Amino acid sequence: MGEFLAEHPLLVLFLVLAFGTALGAVKVRGVSLGPAGALFAGLALSAVVPDLAGVVPALLGTLGLTLFAYTIGLAGGPSFFAGLRRTAPTMLGAVAVFAGLAVVAHLLGRVLGLTPADIAGTYAGAVTNTPGLAAAVDVTGTNEPVVGYSLAYPFGVVGIILVIVVGLGWSRRSPTSEDQDPPQPADHLTVEVTRDGLPPLAELSDFEDAQLVFSRVRRGDTERAPGSDLVLRPGDLVTVVGPRDPLRRFAEWIGRRTERDLPLDRTQLDFRWVVLSNARYAGATIADLDLGRFGAVAGYVRRGDVDLVAHPNLIIELGDRVRVVAPRDRLDEAVTELGGSERAAVVAQPVGFALGLLLGLGLGVVPIPLPGLTLELGTAAAPLLVGLTLGRIGRTGPVVWQLPYATNQALRQFGVLLFLATVGLSAGPEFATALTTVRGVTLLGFGAVLTTLAGIALLLLGRSLQLSGPRLAGTLAGGQNQPAILSFAVERADGDDRVNIAYALLFPPTFVVKILAAQVLASL
């Protein structure tokens, strides 16, 4: 059976993917491995059938890692640059954590009598940094670092997952977080205005630091989609869209809620959910749509399974569904302008996608000279950086860089599964052999200590900066540079995009410092 499988590497790969995804879906007290199941399935299969180790070309794993990093960058680009200045303390703190962890690894490793190759490989596995392993192998000229890496890597995933569970539990019990700025799920109310002397809607839209949108106003027998300069009067009925709690407080402040639901009255105004497929608006904001020229307004943006408030500064993505309210005779014009194509919601422009990956991989092989060594960003950090930049740009002339939301999610998931399955298949025999020796047990414990210290340090960093639960989970996943941990964090945070944003912010600086640290540890 082993010989048969060894002759069919694609069969082996999808065998691991099938069992790995099944394993990753198993939940124990609400906790599942997610994509990391592919890693453990690969380790188990190649440990039982050593002939399968390395049968799947490493290039496939590299492709998966590149796809994952690039799509993460595209999705996080707009928010990354918007929040860069504000999150500088988190980034600097995380870099300090992993630089300090390297010092601890060197000192503790020497006390345990480990070689520089063991220390460097275990450090790379404990912080789940595959390029760090490659750097250590290059410095030592042997495969000795692979053993420590293989033993430390599994707990590098599981350990941080456990820390995320603890961190999210803490954040739910702590209402003091100042991190309240991301888009929040939207709700709507119809309010009868009783307060007099109100300012224009443009000034009312910013209420308690929450963005509100006014989608309909009925005054007497006339109903319209209001402009930002409209001043509400007592007796007006207005439909307001916004985050649930501020929305209710706003309704009490401006007047009283009414059971009459204006969106159900479609005699003068109508509404429609429209797929944003017009490439012109890739990376645009709601304000850039200029729906006012049609007498229209956007109330919601549905992204995945979440409805977001369509405030003017919200950056929209191809594949988003925009709820447009407009006069009945002009609604079709607004729909045509936005696109409205269901097919375009999942089909990417191949030129932009291929060119973006080419730029990312090209940047990855550019040598960066540093004192005593030359560094390359490689096939993860470079595509991530390029993806962040292109995701913020959105489009350049006829070239569209953004991917539709559903397409981005599918490529991201496939990429991480491909990478983890390939890594697991390559490391099983060394992993199984090392477990039967004193050295192996020492390396296993050494790696677990390093991962635990990294998780605790990042958790304390997040707590000291009063990060919200989703940003804390993203900080832990981004500091560990681990796609499986990111996937788990996103699931535990109910798809909150702050997880991806924090991950994208921390991935580049911590990724680079880990590679440098592994190189230094291997050379000491």
Protein backbone atom coordinates (compact mmCIF):
# COMPACT_ATOMS: atom_id res chain seq x y z
CA MET A 1 0.00 0.00 0.00
CA GLY A 2 2.85 2.36 0.85
CA GLU A 3 4.49 1.83 -2.53
CA PHE A 4 1.21 2.45 -4.33
CA LEU A 5 0.62 5.71 -2.48
CA ALA A 6 4.21 6.83 -3.02
CA GLU A 7 3.63 6.57 -6.76
CA HIS A 8 0.55 8.81 -6.57
CA PRO A 9 1.48 11.99 -4.67
CA LEU A 10 -1.74 13.84 -5.54
CA LEU A 11 -3.76 10.96 -4.09
CA VAL A 12 -1.68 11.21 -0.90
CA LEU A 13 -2.18 14.96 -0.73
CA PHE A 14 -5.95 14.80 -0.99
CA LEU A 15 -6.08 11.83 1.38
CA VAL A 16 -4.42 14.08 3.97
CA LEU A 17 -6.70 16.99 3.09
CA ALA A 18 -9.81 14.83 3.45
CA PHE A 19 -8.86 13.33 6.80
CA GLY A 20 -7.31 16.59 7.97
CA THR A 21 -10.42 18.67 7.34
CA ALA A 22 -12.55 16.00 9.04
CA LEU A 23 -10.20 16.06 12.04
CA GLY A 24 -10.20 19.84 12.07
CA ALA A 25 -14.01 19.92 12.20
CA VAL A 26 -14.16 17.87 15.40
CA LYS A 27 -14.99 20.09 18.38
CA VAL A 28 -14.06 19.39 21.97
CA ARG A 29 -15.86 21.78 24.34
CA GLY A 30 -16.34 24.18 21.46
CA VAL A 31 -12.68 24.11 20.40
CA SER A 32 -11.59 22.66 17.05
CA LEU A 33 -8.27 22.52 15.22
CA GLY A 34 -9.67 23.90 11.97
CA PRO A 35 -7.10 23.83 9.14
CA ALA A 36 -4.42 22.61 11.59
CA GLY A 37 -6.08 19.22 11.28
CA ALA A 38 -4.31 18.88 7.93
CA LEU A 39 -0.94 19.32 9.67
CA PHE A 40 -1.61 16.55 12.17
CA ALA A 41 -3.09 14.25 9.53
CA GLY A 42 0.06 14.68 7.45
CA LEU A 43 2.32 14.03 10.46
CA ALA A 44 0.40 10.88 11.35
CA LEU A 45 0.33 9.43 7.83
CA SER A 46 4.02 10.03 7.08
CA ALA A 47 4.99 8.68 10.54
CA VAL A 48 3.08 5.44 9.92
CA VAL A 49 4.23 5.19 6.27
CA PRO A 50 7.72 6.78 6.17
CA ASP A 51 7.96 6.26 2.40
CA LEU A 52 5.41 9.05 2.00
CA ALA A 53 7.64 11.69 3.61
CA GLY A 54 8.46 14.25 0.95
CA VAL A 55 6.42 12.48 -1.75
CA VAL A 56 4.32 15.62 -2.21
CA PRO A 57 6.54 18.33 -3.74
CA ALA A 58 7.40 21.14 -1.33
CA LEU A 59 6.51 23.54 -4.14
CA LEU A 60 2.82 22.81 -3.54
CA GLY A 61 3.17 23.84 0.09
CA THR A 62 4.96 27.00 -0.97
CA LEU A 63 2.13 27.77 -3.38
CA GLY A 64 -0.43 27.31 -0.60
CA LEU A 65 1.48 29.60 1.76
CA THR A 66 1.79 32.24 -0.97
CA LEU A 67 -1.93 32.13 -1.77
CA PHE A 68 -2.83 32.41 1.88
CA ALA A 69 -0.50 35.34 2.61
CA TYR A 70 -1.48 37.25 -0.54
CA THR A 71 -5.25 36.90 -0.02
CA ILE A 72 -4.92 37.92 3.64
CA GLY A 73 -3.07 41.02 2.48
CA LEU A 74 -5.68 41.92 -0.13
CA ALA A 75 -8.50 41.64 2.41
CA GLY A 76 -6.70 43.53 5.16
CA GLY A 77 -5.05 46.25 3.07
CA PRO A 78 -7.63 49.04 3.50
CA SER A 79 -7.86 48.63 7.27
CA PHE A 80 -4.11 48.03 7.67
CA PHE A 81 -3.08 51.43 6.35
CA ALA A 82 -5.98 53.18 8.07
CA GLY A 83 -4.92 51.83 11.47
CA LEU A 84 -1.15 51.73 11.08
CA ARG A 85 -0.34 54.74 13.24
CA ARG A 86 -2.76 53.76 15.98
CA THR A 87 -1.41 50.19 16.28
CA ALA A 88 2.31 51.07 16.34
CA PRO A 89 2.59 50.23 20.09
CA THR A 90 1.19 46.74 19.45
CA MET A 91 3.60 46.12 16.58
CA LEU A 92 6.65 47.30 18.52
CA GLY A 93 5.58 45.33 21.57
CA ALA A 94 5.17 42.11 19.56
CA VAL A 95 8.60 42.53 17.95
CA ALA A 96 10.11 42.97 21.42
CA VAL A 97 8.33 39.79 22.60
CA PHE A 98 9.90 37.58 19.93
CA ALA A 99 13.33 39.18 20.14
CA GLY A 100 13.26 38.64 23.92
CA LEU A 101 12.03 35.07 23.41
CA ALA A 102 15.12 34.36 21.27
CA VAL A 103 17.34 35.47 24.16
CA VAL A 104 15.44 33.19 26.53
CA ALA A 105 15.73 30.31 24.02
CA HIS A 106 19.51 30.72 23.80
CA LEU A 107 20.04 30.83 27.57
CA LEU A 108 17.62 27.99 28.40
CA GLY A 109 18.89 25.85 25.51
CA ARG A 110 22.47 26.10 26.73
CA VAL A 111 21.37 25.11 30.26
CA LEU A 112 19.71 22.03 28.75
CA GLY A 113 22.85 21.18 26.77
CA LEU A 114 21.25 21.64 23.35
CA THR A 115 23.18 22.48 20.21
CA PRO A 116 22.66 25.77 18.32
CA ALA A 117 20.89 23.78 15.58
CA ASP A 118 18.47 22.28 18.12
CA ILE A 119 17.84 25.67 19.72
CA ALA A 120 17.24 27.45 16.41
CA GLY A 121 15.00 24.71 15.02
CA THR A 122 12.94 24.44 18.20
CA TYR A 123 12.58 28.23 18.36
CA ALA A 124 11.33 28.27 14.74
CA GLY A 125 8.83 25.50 15.50
CA ALA A 126 7.65 27.03 18.77
CA VAL A 127 6.84 30.28 16.96
CA THR A 128 5.64 28.36 13.84
CA ASN A 129 7.98 30.12 11.43
CA THR A 130 8.91 27.84 8.54
CA PRO A 131 11.30 30.37 6.87
CA GLY A 132 13.09 30.56 10.22
CA LEU A 133 13.67 26.82 9.98
CA ALA A 134 14.98 27.25 6.43
CA ALA A 135 17.33 29.96 7.66
CA ALA A 136 18.61 27.71 10.46
CA VAL A 137 19.20 24.83 8.04
CA ASP A 138 21.08 27.17 5.73
CA VAL A 139 23.32 28.44 8.54
CA THR A 140 24.11 24.99 10.00
CA GLY A 141 24.37 23.18 6.67
CA THR A 142 22.47 20.18 8.11
CA ASN A 143 18.89 19.01 8.63
CA GLU A 144 19.41 18.88 12.41
CA PRO A 145 17.11 21.87 13.09
CA VAL A 146 14.20 19.99 11.47
CA VAL A 147 13.81 17.66 14.47
CA GLY A 148 13.32 20.46 16.98
CA TYR A 149 11.03 22.27 14.57
CA SER A 150 8.83 19.19 13.99
CA LEU A 151 8.50 18.50 17.71
CA ALA A 152 7.78 22.09 18.69
CA TYR A 153 5.45 23.01 15.83
CA PRO A 154 2.28 21.12 16.91
CA PHE A 155 2.22 22.72 20.36
CA GLY A 156 3.11 26.00 18.67
CA VAL A 157 -0.36 25.75 17.13
CA VAL A 158 -2.31 24.16 19.98
CA GLY A 159 -0.69 26.25 22.72
CA ILE A 160 -1.61 29.58 21.15
CA ILE A 161 -5.12 28.31 20.40
CA LEU A 162 -5.53 27.63 24.12
CA VAL A 163 -4.22 31.12 24.93
CA ILE A 164 -6.77 32.61 22.50
CA VAL A 165 -9.58 30.76 24.30
CA VAL A 166 -8.37 32.24 27.60
CA GLY A 167 -7.93 35.70 26.06
CA LEU A 168 -11.41 35.81 24.55
CA GLY A 169 -12.86 34.69 27.87
CA TRP A 170 -11.07 37.52 29.67
CA SER A 171 -12.19 40.11 27.14
CA ARG A 172 -15.84 39.13 27.51
CA ARG A 173 -15.58 39.76 31.23
CA SER A 174 -13.82 43.10 30.77
CA PRO A 175 -15.93 45.98 29.37
CA THR A 176 -13.07 48.50 29.59
CA SER A 177 -11.54 48.00 26.17
CA GLU A 178 -11.06 51.19 24.19
CA ASP A 179 -10.97 49.33 20.90
CA GLN A 180 -14.45 50.11 19.59
CA ASP A 181 -13.71 51.50 16.14
CA PRO A 182 -14.36 48.71 13.58
CA PRO A 183 -17.50 48.33 11.49
CA GLN A 184 -20.25 46.85 13.62
CA PRO A 185 -23.26 44.73 12.64
CA ALA A 186 -26.15 46.99 11.66
CA ASP A 187 -29.78 47.28 12.69
CA HIS A 188 -32.50 49.79 11.74
CA LEU A 189 -35.36 51.63 13.45
CA THR A 190 -38.14 53.94 12.31
CA VAL A 191 -38.35 56.98 14.56
CA GLU A 192 -40.91 59.77 14.88
CA VAL A 193 -39.01 63.03 15.47
CA THR A 194 -40.14 65.10 18.45
CA ARG A 195 -37.01 67.18 19.13
CA ASP A 196 -36.85 70.65 17.58
CA GLY A 197 -33.82 72.66 16.45
CA LEU A 198 -31.83 69.71 15.13
CA PRO A 199 -28.69 70.18 13.01
CA PRO A 200 -28.40 68.73 9.45
CA LEU A 201 -28.18 64.97 9.05
CA ALA A 202 -24.46 65.24 8.26
CA GLU A 203 -23.90 66.32 11.87
CA LEU A 204 -26.36 63.84 13.36
CA SER A 205 -24.71 60.87 11.63
CA ASP A 206 -21.84 60.80 14.15
CA PHE A 207 -23.57 59.84 17.40
CA GLU A 208 -21.60 58.56 20.42
CA ASP A 209 -18.69 57.74 18.06
CA ALA A 210 -21.03 55.44 16.12
CA GLN A 211 -21.77 56.04 12.44
CA LEU A 212 -25.48 56.32 11.64
CA VAL A 213 -27.12 56.33 8.20
CA PHE A 214 -30.52 57.87 7.40
CA SER A 215 -32.10 55.87 4.60
CA ARG A 216 -35.66 57.28 4.42
CA VAL A 217 -37.59 60.33 5.59
CA ARG A 218 -41.35 60.80 5.36
CA ARG A 219 -42.65 64.34 5.74
CA GLY A 220 -46.40 64.59 5.34
CA ASP A 221 -47.30 62.50 2.29
CA THR A 222 -43.85 62.71 0.70
CA GLU A 223 -41.11 60.14 1.19
CA ARG A 224 -37.54 60.41 -0.04
CA ALA A 225 -33.96 59.22 0.45
CA PRO A 226 -32.50 62.19 2.37
CA GLY A 227 -29.37 64.15 1.56
CA SER A 228 -26.80 65.07 4.17
CA ASP A 229 -28.07 68.68 4.33
CA LEU A 230 -31.65 67.79 5.31
CA VAL A 231 -32.84 69.16 8.67
CA LEU A 232 -35.39 66.98 10.45
CA ARG A 233 -38.51 68.55 11.95
CA PRO A 234 -40.96 67.38 14.61
CA GLY A 235 -43.47 65.00 13.06
CA ASP A 236 -41.03 63.58 10.48
CA LEU A 237 -40.66 59.82 10.27
CA VAL A 238 -37.07 58.69 9.64
CA THR A 239 -35.49 55.27 9.17
CA VAL A 240 -32.07 55.13 10.85
CA VAL A 241 -29.42 52.42 10.33
CA GLY A 242 -26.64 51.89 12.85
CA PRO A 243 -25.09 49.68 15.56
CA ARG A 244 -27.83 48.34 17.79
CA ASP A 245 -27.17 50.00 21.17
CA PRO A 246 -26.22 53.52 19.96
CA LEU A 247 -29.15 53.33 17.54
CA ARG A 248 -31.64 52.81 20.34
CA ARG A 249 -30.17 55.62 22.43
CA PHE A 250 -30.32 57.91 19.40
CA ALA A 251 -33.99 57.06 18.88
CA GLU A 252 -34.77 58.00 22.47
CA TRP A 253 -32.84 61.26 22.14
CA ILE A 254 -34.39 62.45 18.87
CA GLY A 255 -37.96 61.29 19.46
CA ARG A 256 -39.77 57.99 19.89
CA ARG A 257 -39.77 54.69 18.11
CA THR A 258 -42.78 53.85 15.99
CA GLU A 259 -44.15 50.50 14.96
CA ARG A 260 -44.57 51.81 11.43
CA ASP A 261 -41.77 50.38 9.29
CA LEU A 262 -41.04 52.72 6.38
CA PRO A 263 -38.99 50.13 4.42
CA LEU A 264 -42.20 48.13 4.00
CA ASP A 265 -43.86 51.04 2.19
CA ARG A 266 -42.61 50.85 -1.40
CA THR A 267 -45.06 53.21 -3.07
CA GLN A 268 -42.62 56.13 -3.50
CA LEU A 269 -39.24 54.64 -2.58
CA ASP A 270 -38.05 51.13 -3.27
CA PHE A 271 -34.97 49.19 -2.22
CA ARG A 272 -32.86 46.38 -3.57
CA TRP A 273 -29.81 44.40 -2.52
CA VAL A 274 -27.22 45.01 -5.26
CA VAL A 275 -24.02 43.05 -5.80
CA LEU A 276 -21.09 45.43 -6.21
CA SER A 277 -19.50 44.09 -9.39
CA ASN A 278 -18.47 47.30 -11.16
CA ALA A 279 -14.65 47.15 -11.09
CA ARG A 280 -14.56 50.95 -11.09
CA TYR A 281 -15.42 50.87 -7.42
CA ALA A 282 -12.83 48.35 -6.23
CA GLY A 283 -11.38 49.86 -3.06
CA ALA A 284 -13.84 52.78 -3.09
CA THR A 285 -15.84 54.11 -0.15
CA ILE A 286 -19.60 54.48 0.11
CA ALA A 287 -19.14 58.21 -0.44
CA ASP A 288 -17.28 57.49 -3.71
CA LEU A 289 -20.39 55.77 -5.08
CA ASP A 290 -22.14 59.16 -5.14
CA LEU A 291 -25.58 57.57 -4.99
CA GLY A 292 -27.10 60.98 -4.34
CA ARG A 293 -27.07 61.66 -8.09
CA PHE A 294 -29.84 59.07 -8.35
CA GLY A 295 -31.66 60.42 -5.31
CA ALA A 296 -30.53 57.20 -3.61
CA VAL A 297 -28.79 56.21 -0.41
CA ALA A 298 -27.06 53.06 0.84
CA GLY A 299 -28.25 51.73 4.20
CA TYR A 300 -26.42 48.44 4.67
CA VAL A 301 -23.49 46.57 3.20
CA ARG A 302 -23.67 42.80 3.54
CA ARG A 303 -20.24 41.16 3.62
CA GLY A 304 -20.34 37.43 4.07
CA ASP A 305 -22.98 36.87 6.75
CA VAL A 306 -22.65 40.28 8.43
CA ASP A 307 -24.62 43.48 7.72
CA LEU A 308 -22.46 46.59 8.15
CA VAL A 309 -23.57 50.20 8.49
CA ALA A 310 -23.02 51.86 5.09
CA HIS A 311 -21.45 55.01 6.50
CA PRO A 312 -19.67 57.30 3.99
CA ASN A 313 -16.13 56.20 4.93
CA LEU A 314 -16.77 52.45 4.77
CA ILE A 315 -14.45 50.85 2.19
CA ILE A 316 -16.41 48.43 0.03
CA GLU A 317 -15.17 45.28 -1.65
CA LEU A 318 -16.12 43.59 -4.88
CA GLY A 319 -18.81 41.05 -4.09
CA ASP A 320 -20.34 43.11 -1.28
CA ARG A 321 -24.12 43.44 -1.38
CA VAL A 322 -25.28 47.02 -0.96
CA ARG A 323 -28.85 47.76 0.13
CA VAL A 324 -29.83 50.71 -2.05
CA VAL A 325 -32.90 52.86 -1.33
CA ALA A 326 -34.01 55.06 -4.24
CA PRO A 327 -37.09 56.54 -5.93
CA ARG A 328 -38.86 53.77 -7.79
CA ASP A 329 -38.19 55.31 -11.20
CA ARG A 330 -34.44 55.67 -10.54
CA LEU A 331 -33.61 52.46 -8.71
CA ASP A 332 -32.63 50.62 -11.92
CA GLU A 333 -30.10 53.37 -12.73
CA ALA A 334 -28.40 52.93 -9.35
CA VAL A 335 -28.37 49.15 -9.75
CA THR A 336 -26.79 49.41 -13.20
CA GLU A 337 -24.11 51.76 -11.88
CA LEU A 338 -23.07 49.34 -9.12
CA GLY A 339 -23.06 46.34 -11.44
CA GLY A 340 -25.50 43.88 -9.95
CA SER A 341 -23.83 40.82 -11.53
CA GLU A 342 -23.98 37.65 -9.41
CA ARG A 343 -21.33 36.00 -11.57
CA ALA A 344 -18.92 38.88 -11.05
CA ALA A 345 -19.31 38.42 -7.28
CA VAL A 346 -17.20 35.25 -7.45
CA VAL A 347 -15.09 35.63 -10.60
CA ALA A 348 -11.72 37.33 -10.18
CA GLN A 349 -9.92 39.27 -12.88
CA PRO A 350 -7.09 36.85 -13.74
CA VAL A 351 -4.69 39.55 -14.95
CA GLY A 352 -4.72 41.44 -11.64
CA PHE A 353 -4.53 38.25 -9.58
CA ALA A 354 -1.60 36.79 -11.51
CA LEU A 355 0.26 40.08 -11.72
CA GLY A 356 -0.17 40.68 -7.99
CA LEU A 357 1.24 37.26 -7.13
CA LEU A 358 4.11 37.85 -9.55
CA LEU A 359 4.97 41.12 -7.82
CA GLY A 360 4.80 39.43 -4.41
CA LEU A 361 7.03 36.52 -5.39
CA GLY A 362 9.44 38.86 -7.18
CA LEU A 363 9.82 40.98 -4.06
CA GLY A 364 10.38 37.81 -2.04
CA VAL A 365 13.63 36.95 -3.85
CA VAL A 366 15.16 40.43 -3.64
CA PRO A 367 18.22 40.17 -1.33
CA ILE A 368 18.24 42.54 1.62
CA PRO A 369 21.82 43.01 2.92
CA LEU A 370 22.12 43.22 6.71
CA PRO A 371 25.20 43.16 8.97
CA GLY A 372 26.65 39.65 8.75
CA LEU A 373 23.89 38.17 6.57
CA THR A 374 21.58 38.64 3.60
CA LEU A 375 17.83 38.34 4.13
CA GLU A 376 15.03 37.55 1.70
CA LEU A 377 11.39 38.18 2.59
CA GLY A 378 10.43 34.89 0.93
CA THR A 379 7.13 33.48 -0.24
CA ALA A 380 4.97 34.57 2.69
CA ALA A 381 6.06 37.99 3.98
CA ALA A 382 6.58 39.51 0.51
CA PRO A 383 3.19 38.44 -0.95
CA LEU A 384 1.55 39.66 2.25
CA LEU A 385 3.17 43.10 1.94
CA VAL A 386 2.27 43.36 -1.75
CA GLY A 387 -1.27 42.18 -1.01
CA LEU A 388 -1.69 44.82 1.69
CA THR A 389 -0.60 47.54 -0.73
CA LEU A 390 -2.66 46.37 -3.69
CA GLY A 391 -5.69 45.70 -1.50
CA ARG A 392 -5.61 49.32 -0.42
CA ILE A 393 -5.18 50.59 -4.00
CA GLY A 394 -8.08 48.45 -5.26
CA ARG A 395 -7.48 49.01 -8.96
CA THR A 396 -4.97 50.66 -11.28
CA GLY A 397 -6.50 51.71 -14.59
CA PRO A 398 -8.05 48.58 -16.13
CA VAL A 399 -6.26 46.22 -13.71
CA VAL A 400 -8.35 45.20 -10.68
CA TRP A 401 -6.28 44.04 -7.71
CA GLN A 402 -9.10 43.19 -5.34
CA LEU A 403 -10.70 39.76 -5.26
CA PRO A 404 -14.42 39.23 -4.69
CA TYR A 405 -15.08 38.36 -1.05
CA ALA A 406 -16.18 34.76 -1.68
CA THR A 407 -13.24 34.07 -4.00
CA ASN A 408 -10.76 35.49 -1.50
CA GLN A 409 -12.16 33.28 1.26
CA ALA A 410 -12.02 30.13 -0.89
CA LEU A 411 -8.43 30.71 -2.05
CA ARG A 412 -7.34 31.53 1.49
CA GLN A 413 -8.82 28.34 2.90
CA PHE A 414 -7.36 26.15 0.16
CA GLY A 415 -3.95 27.77 0.49
CA VAL A 416 -3.61 27.17 4.20
CA LEU A 417 -4.77 23.55 3.91
CA LEU A 418 -2.28 22.91 1.12
CA PHE A 419 0.60 24.40 3.09
CA LEU A 420 -0.13 22.58 6.36
CA ALA A 421 -0.73 19.20 4.70
CA THR A 422 2.61 19.44 2.88
CA VAL A 423 4.52 20.42 6.03
CA GLY A 424 2.94 17.56 7.97
CA LEU A 425 3.79 14.99 5.30
CA SER A 426 7.42 16.07 5.25
CA ALA A 427 8.03 15.90 9.01
CA GLY A 428 6.30 12.72 10.23
CA PRO A 429 9.24 10.27 10.38
CA GLU A 430 11.56 12.68 12.23
CA PHE A 431 8.73 13.53 14.58
CA ALA A 432 7.99 9.87 15.40
CA THR A 433 11.67 8.94 15.85
CA ALA A 434 12.49 11.88 18.11
CA LEU A 435 9.57 11.10 20.42
CA THR A 436 11.27 7.84 21.47
CA THR A 437 14.50 9.51 22.67
CA VAL A 438 15.48 11.63 25.68
CA ARG A 439 16.63 14.36 23.29
CA GLY A 440 13.25 14.34 21.62
CA VAL A 441 11.36 14.66 24.88
CA THR A 442 13.70 17.50 25.91
CA LEU A 443 13.11 19.34 22.63
CA LEU A 444 9.35 18.80 22.96
CA GLY A 445 9.30 20.32 26.44
CA PHE A 446 11.68 23.10 25.40
CA GLY A 447 9.40 24.07 22.53
CA ALA A 448 6.29 23.97 24.72
CA VAL A 449 7.94 26.34 27.21
CA LEU A 450 8.86 28.79 24.46
CA THR A 451 5.36 28.74 22.96
CA THR A 452 3.78 29.21 26.38
CA LEU A 453 6.05 32.17 27.17
CA ALA A 454 5.25 33.77 23.79
CA GLY A 455 1.51 33.31 24.32
CA ILE A 456 1.55 34.73 27.84
CA ALA A 457 3.69 37.70 26.78
CA LEU A 458 1.37 38.53 23.84
CA LEU A 459 -1.68 38.10 26.06
CA LEU A 460 -0.28 40.50 28.65
CA LEU A 461 0.67 42.93 25.88
CA GLY A 462 -2.88 42.91 24.57
CA ARG A 463 -4.32 43.35 28.04
CA SER A 464 -2.00 46.27 28.81
CA LEU A 465 -3.09 48.00 25.58
CA GLN A 466 -6.77 47.24 26.34
CA LEU A 467 -7.35 45.44 23.06
CA SER A 468 -10.80 44.08 22.39
CA GLY A 469 -11.29 40.31 22.22
CA PRO A 470 -11.16 40.08 18.40
CA ARG A 471 -8.04 42.26 18.14
CA LEU A 472 -6.41 40.29 20.95
CA ALA A 473 -7.13 37.03 19.11
CA GLY A 474 -5.76 38.51 15.88
CA THR A 475 -2.67 39.75 17.72
CA LEU A 476 -1.96 36.26 19.04
CA ALA A 477 -2.48 34.70 15.61
CA GLY A 478 -0.47 37.41 13.84
CA GLY A 479 2.37 37.26 16.34
CA GLN A 480 2.56 33.50 15.78
CA ASN A 481 2.30 33.93 11.96
CA GLN A 482 0.06 30.88 11.93
CA PRO A 483 -2.82 30.52 9.44
CA ALA A 484 -4.42 27.69 11.37
CA ILE A 485 -4.50 29.85 14.50
CA LEU A 486 -5.94 32.72 12.45
CA SER A 487 -8.70 30.50 11.13
CA PHE A 488 -9.52 29.36 14.66
CA ALA A 489 -9.49 32.94 15.94
CA VAL A 490 -11.82 34.13 13.17
CA GLU A 491 -14.25 31.32 13.94
CA ARG A 492 -14.19 31.97 17.70
CA ALA A 493 -14.74 35.69 17.09
CA ASP A 494 -17.77 34.99 14.84
CA GLY A 495 -16.03 36.24 11.69
CA ASP A 496 -15.13 39.65 13.16
CA ASP A 497 -12.84 41.37 10.63
CA ARG A 498 -10.76 42.90 13.42
CA VAL A 499 -9.07 39.50 13.78
CA ASN A 500 -7.79 39.64 10.19
CA ILE A 501 -6.77 43.29 10.56
CA ALA A 502 -4.68 42.62 13.68
CA TYR A 503 -3.17 39.55 12.03
CA ALA A 504 -2.18 41.52 8.93
CA LEU A 505 -0.65 44.30 11.01
CA LEU A 506 1.58 42.00 13.08
CA PHE A 507 2.51 39.41 10.48
CA PRO A 508 5.23 41.37 8.59
CA PRO A 509 7.33 42.72 11.50
CA THR A 510 7.17 39.57 13.64
CA PHE A 511 7.79 37.36 10.62
CA VAL A 512 11.04 39.15 9.82
CA VAL A 513 12.31 39.29 13.41
CA LYS A 514 11.78 35.52 13.80
CA ILE A 515 13.83 34.76 10.69
CA LEU A 516 16.66 36.95 11.95
CA ALA A 517 16.44 35.40 15.41
CA ALA A 518 16.62 31.83 14.03
CA GLN A 519 19.66 32.74 11.94
CA VAL A 520 21.42 34.26 14.93
CA LEU A 521 20.55 31.34 17.24
CA ALA A 522 21.88 28.82 14.71
CA SER A 523 25.19 30.67 14.40
CA LEU A 524 25.95 31.12 18.13
